[in-house]
Amino acid sequence: MNDRHYLQAQVTYTVAIIIASAIGIFIATKMSNLF
């Protein structure tokens, strides 16, 4: 019965990780460009 809620939580968690990784790469690139 609760599969839909679990799936939505998984998708939200995965998207959050992808966004965090993208921000981390973006910051790392900016830092390497500065120095």
N, C-alpha and C. Protein backbone atom coordinates (compact mmCIF):
# COMPACT_ATOMS: atom_id res chain seq x y z
N MET A 1 0.82 -1.20 0.00
CA MET A 1 0.00 0.00 0.00
C MET A 1 0.87 1.27 0.00
N ASN A 2 2.02 1.18 0.66
CA ASN A 2 2.86 2.37 0.83
C ASN A 2 3.97 2.46 -0.22
N ASP A 3 3.85 1.66 -1.29
CA ASP A 3 4.91 1.64 -2.30
C ASP A 3 5.09 2.99 -2.97
N ARG A 4 3.97 3.67 -3.25
CA ARG A 4 4.06 4.96 -3.94
C ARG A 4 4.83 5.98 -3.10
N HIS A 5 4.56 6.00 -1.82
CA HIS A 5 5.25 6.95 -0.94
C HIS A 5 6.74 6.63 -0.88
N TYR A 6 7.06 5.34 -0.82
CA TYR A 6 8.46 4.91 -0.77
C TYR A 6 9.17 5.31 -2.05
N LEU A 7 8.51 5.09 -3.19
CA LEU A 7 9.10 5.43 -4.49
C LEU A 7 9.35 6.93 -4.58
N GLN A 8 8.41 7.73 -4.13
CA GLN A 8 8.57 9.18 -4.18
C GLN A 8 9.74 9.62 -3.30
N ALA A 9 9.90 8.98 -2.14
CA ALA A 9 11.01 9.31 -1.26
C ALA A 9 12.34 8.96 -1.93
N GLN A 10 12.39 7.81 -2.62
CA GLN A 10 13.60 7.40 -3.32
C GLN A 10 13.96 8.40 -4.42
N VAL A 11 12.95 8.83 -5.19
CA VAL A 11 13.19 9.78 -6.27
C VAL A 11 13.69 11.11 -5.71
N THR A 12 13.05 11.60 -4.66
CA THR A 12 13.46 12.87 -4.05
C THR A 12 14.90 12.77 -3.54
N TYR A 13 15.25 11.66 -2.90
CA TYR A 13 16.59 11.44 -2.37
C TYR A 13 17.62 11.42 -3.49
N THR A 14 17.28 10.71 -4.59
CA THR A 14 18.20 10.61 -5.73
C THR A 14 18.41 11.98 -6.37
N VAL A 15 17.34 12.72 -6.56
CA VAL A 15 17.46 14.06 -7.16
C VAL A 15 18.30 14.97 -6.26
N ALA A 16 18.12 14.87 -4.95
CA ALA A 16 18.89 15.70 -4.03
C ALA A 16 20.38 15.38 -4.15
N ILE A 17 20.73 14.10 -4.28
CA ILE A 17 22.13 13.71 -4.43
C ILE A 17 22.70 14.26 -5.74
N ILE A 18 21.92 14.16 -6.83
CA ILE A 18 22.38 14.66 -8.13
C ILE A 18 22.63 16.16 -8.06
N ILE A 19 21.71 16.90 -7.45
CA ILE A 19 21.87 18.35 -7.34
C ILE A 19 23.09 18.69 -6.48
N ALA A 20 23.26 17.98 -5.37
CA ALA A 20 24.41 18.23 -4.50
C ALA A 20 25.72 17.95 -5.23
N SER A 21 25.76 16.89 -6.02
CA SER A 21 26.96 16.56 -6.79
C SER A 21 27.24 17.65 -7.82
N ALA A 22 26.19 18.11 -8.51
CA ALA A 22 26.36 19.15 -9.52
C ALA A 22 26.90 20.43 -8.89
N ILE A 23 26.37 20.81 -7.73
CA ILE A 23 26.85 22.01 -7.04
C ILE A 23 28.30 21.83 -6.60
N GLY A 24 28.62 20.66 -6.10
CA GLY A 24 30.00 20.38 -5.66
C GLY A 24 30.98 20.48 -6.82
N ILE A 25 30.62 19.92 -7.96
CA ILE A 25 31.48 19.99 -9.15
C ILE A 25 31.61 21.43 -9.61
N PHE A 26 30.51 22.17 -9.60
CA PHE A 26 30.51 23.58 -10.02
C PHE A 26 31.44 24.40 -9.14
N ILE A 27 31.35 24.21 -7.82
CA ILE A 27 32.21 24.95 -6.88
C ILE A 27 33.67 24.55 -7.08
N ALA A 28 33.93 23.26 -7.26
CA ALA A 28 35.31 22.79 -7.47
C ALA A 28 35.89 23.40 -8.73
N THR A 29 35.09 23.50 -9.78
CA THR A 29 35.56 24.10 -11.03
C THR A 29 35.85 25.58 -10.83
N LYS A 30 34.98 26.28 -10.13
CA LYS A 30 35.20 27.70 -9.86
C LYS A 30 36.48 27.90 -9.06
N MET A 31 36.69 27.06 -8.06
CA MET A 31 37.88 27.17 -7.22
C MET A 31 39.15 26.93 -8.03
N SER A 32 39.14 25.91 -8.88
CA SER A 32 40.33 25.60 -9.68
C SER A 32 40.59 26.70 -10.70
N ASN A 33 39.53 27.39 -11.14
CA ASN A 33 39.72 28.51 -12.06
C ASN A 33 40.32 29.72 -11.34
N LEU A 34 39.97 29.89 -10.07
CA LEU A 34 40.48 31.03 -9.31
C LEU A 34 41.97 30.87 -9.01
N PHE A 35 42.39 29.66 -8.68
CA PHE A 35 43.76 29.47 -8.23
C PHE A 35 44.69 28.91 -9.29
